[in-house]
Amino acid sequence: MLTPSFPDPAGTWNRRYESADFVFGTEPNAWLREHAGLWQPGQRVLSVADGEGRNSVWLAQRGLVVDAFDIAEVGVAKARRLAAR
């Protein structure tokens, strides 16, 4: 049987996100910026493992309908605060 190398993913990410700063910043990742033309306003996108929300917020600001989730509730709370700004 394999031993999980990441035994407490939610706890690990919650601890990582608990600082007031955004771990990866608030700008979207480079791939999204480079491929922004793939989506049109009004289209639906799914942002998996969204963390602190930098990618989903950026997509929503461009008129996309975004469904996002993350395993870390601390990250989700920060994503909601980022979206509110």
Protein backbone atom coordinates (compact mmCIF):
# COMPACT_ATOMS: atom_id res chain seq x y z
CA MET A 1 0.00 0.00 0.00
CA LEU A 2 1.25 3.46 -0.85
CA THR A 3 1.79 5.98 1.91
CA PRO A 4 0.30 9.35 0.96
CA SER A 5 3.01 11.95 0.46
CA PHE A 6 0.47 14.68 1.17
CA PRO A 7 -1.54 13.26 4.11
CA ASP A 8 -3.42 16.44 5.12
CA PRO A 9 -3.94 18.52 1.98
CA ALA A 10 -6.62 20.83 3.41
CA GLY A 11 -4.62 21.50 6.57
CA THR A 12 -1.42 22.04 4.59
CA TRP A 13 -3.02 24.61 2.29
CA ASN A 14 -4.96 26.29 5.11
CA ARG A 15 -1.69 26.82 6.99
CA ARG A 16 -0.02 28.11 3.84
CA TYR A 17 -2.83 30.61 3.17
CA GLU A 18 -3.23 31.88 6.75
CA SER A 19 -0.90 34.85 6.28
CA ALA A 20 -2.49 38.19 5.34
CA ASP A 21 -0.45 38.26 2.12
CA PHE A 22 -1.48 36.39 -1.00
CA VAL A 23 0.90 33.44 -1.44
CA PHE A 24 0.93 33.67 -5.25
CA GLY A 25 -0.04 37.34 -5.49
CA THR A 26 -3.29 38.68 -6.91
CA GLU A 27 -2.44 38.63 -10.62
CA PRO A 28 -3.50 35.61 -12.71
CA ASN A 29 -1.00 32.98 -13.72
CA ALA A 30 0.94 33.49 -16.94
CA TRP A 31 -0.94 30.81 -18.88
CA LEU A 32 -4.29 32.54 -18.33
CA ARG A 33 -2.89 35.89 -19.44
CA GLU A 34 -1.39 34.33 -22.56
CA HIS A 35 -4.61 32.52 -23.46
CA ALA A 36 -7.19 35.13 -22.41
CA GLY A 37 -8.57 35.29 -25.95
CA LEU A 38 -9.89 31.73 -25.73
CA TRP A 39 -12.95 32.82 -23.77
CA GLN A 40 -15.69 35.33 -24.45
CA PRO A 41 -17.73 37.25 -21.88
CA GLY A 42 -20.72 35.24 -20.70
CA GLN A 43 -19.03 31.86 -21.12
CA ARG A 44 -18.78 29.55 -18.10
CA VAL A 45 -15.45 28.40 -16.76
CA LEU A 46 -14.45 26.12 -13.91
CA SER A 47 -11.47 27.09 -11.78
CA VAL A 48 -10.29 23.97 -9.94
CA ALA A 49 -7.99 24.28 -6.92
CA ASP A 50 -8.48 28.03 -7.08
CA GLY A 51 -6.60 28.81 -3.87
CA GLU A 52 -6.86 32.47 -2.94
CA GLY A 53 -8.85 33.33 -6.07
CA ARG A 54 -6.41 35.23 -8.24
CA ASN A 55 -7.37 33.32 -11.38
CA SER A 56 -11.12 33.13 -10.85
CA VAL A 57 -11.38 36.81 -9.92
CA TRP A 58 -9.41 37.82 -13.00
CA LEU A 59 -11.65 35.68 -15.22
CA ALA A 60 -14.80 37.13 -13.65
CA GLN A 61 -13.50 40.66 -14.19
CA ARG A 62 -13.43 39.80 -17.90
CA GLY A 63 -17.12 38.93 -17.90
CA LEU A 64 -16.87 35.16 -17.58
CA VAL A 65 -19.22 33.20 -15.33
CA VAL A 66 -16.84 31.42 -12.97
CA ASP A 67 -17.39 28.41 -10.75
CA ALA A 68 -14.39 28.00 -8.47
CA PHE A 69 -13.50 25.77 -5.58
CA ASP A 70 -10.60 24.84 -3.36
CA ILE A 71 -10.00 22.33 -0.59
CA ALA A 72 -8.71 25.05 1.77
CA GLU A 73 -11.44 27.09 3.40
CA VAL A 74 -8.86 29.74 4.35
CA GLY A 75 -8.03 30.16 0.67
CA VAL A 76 -11.71 30.36 -0.28
CA ALA A 77 -12.29 33.07 2.34
CA LYS A 78 -9.38 35.08 0.92
CA ALA A 79 -10.74 34.56 -2.60
CA ARG A 80 -14.08 36.00 -1.52
CA ARG A 81 -12.35 39.03 0.00
CA LEU A 82 -10.34 39.53 -3.19
CA ALA A 83 -13.51 39.33 -5.29
CA ALA A 84 -15.22 41.86 -3.05
CA ARG A 85 -12.42 44.37 -3.68
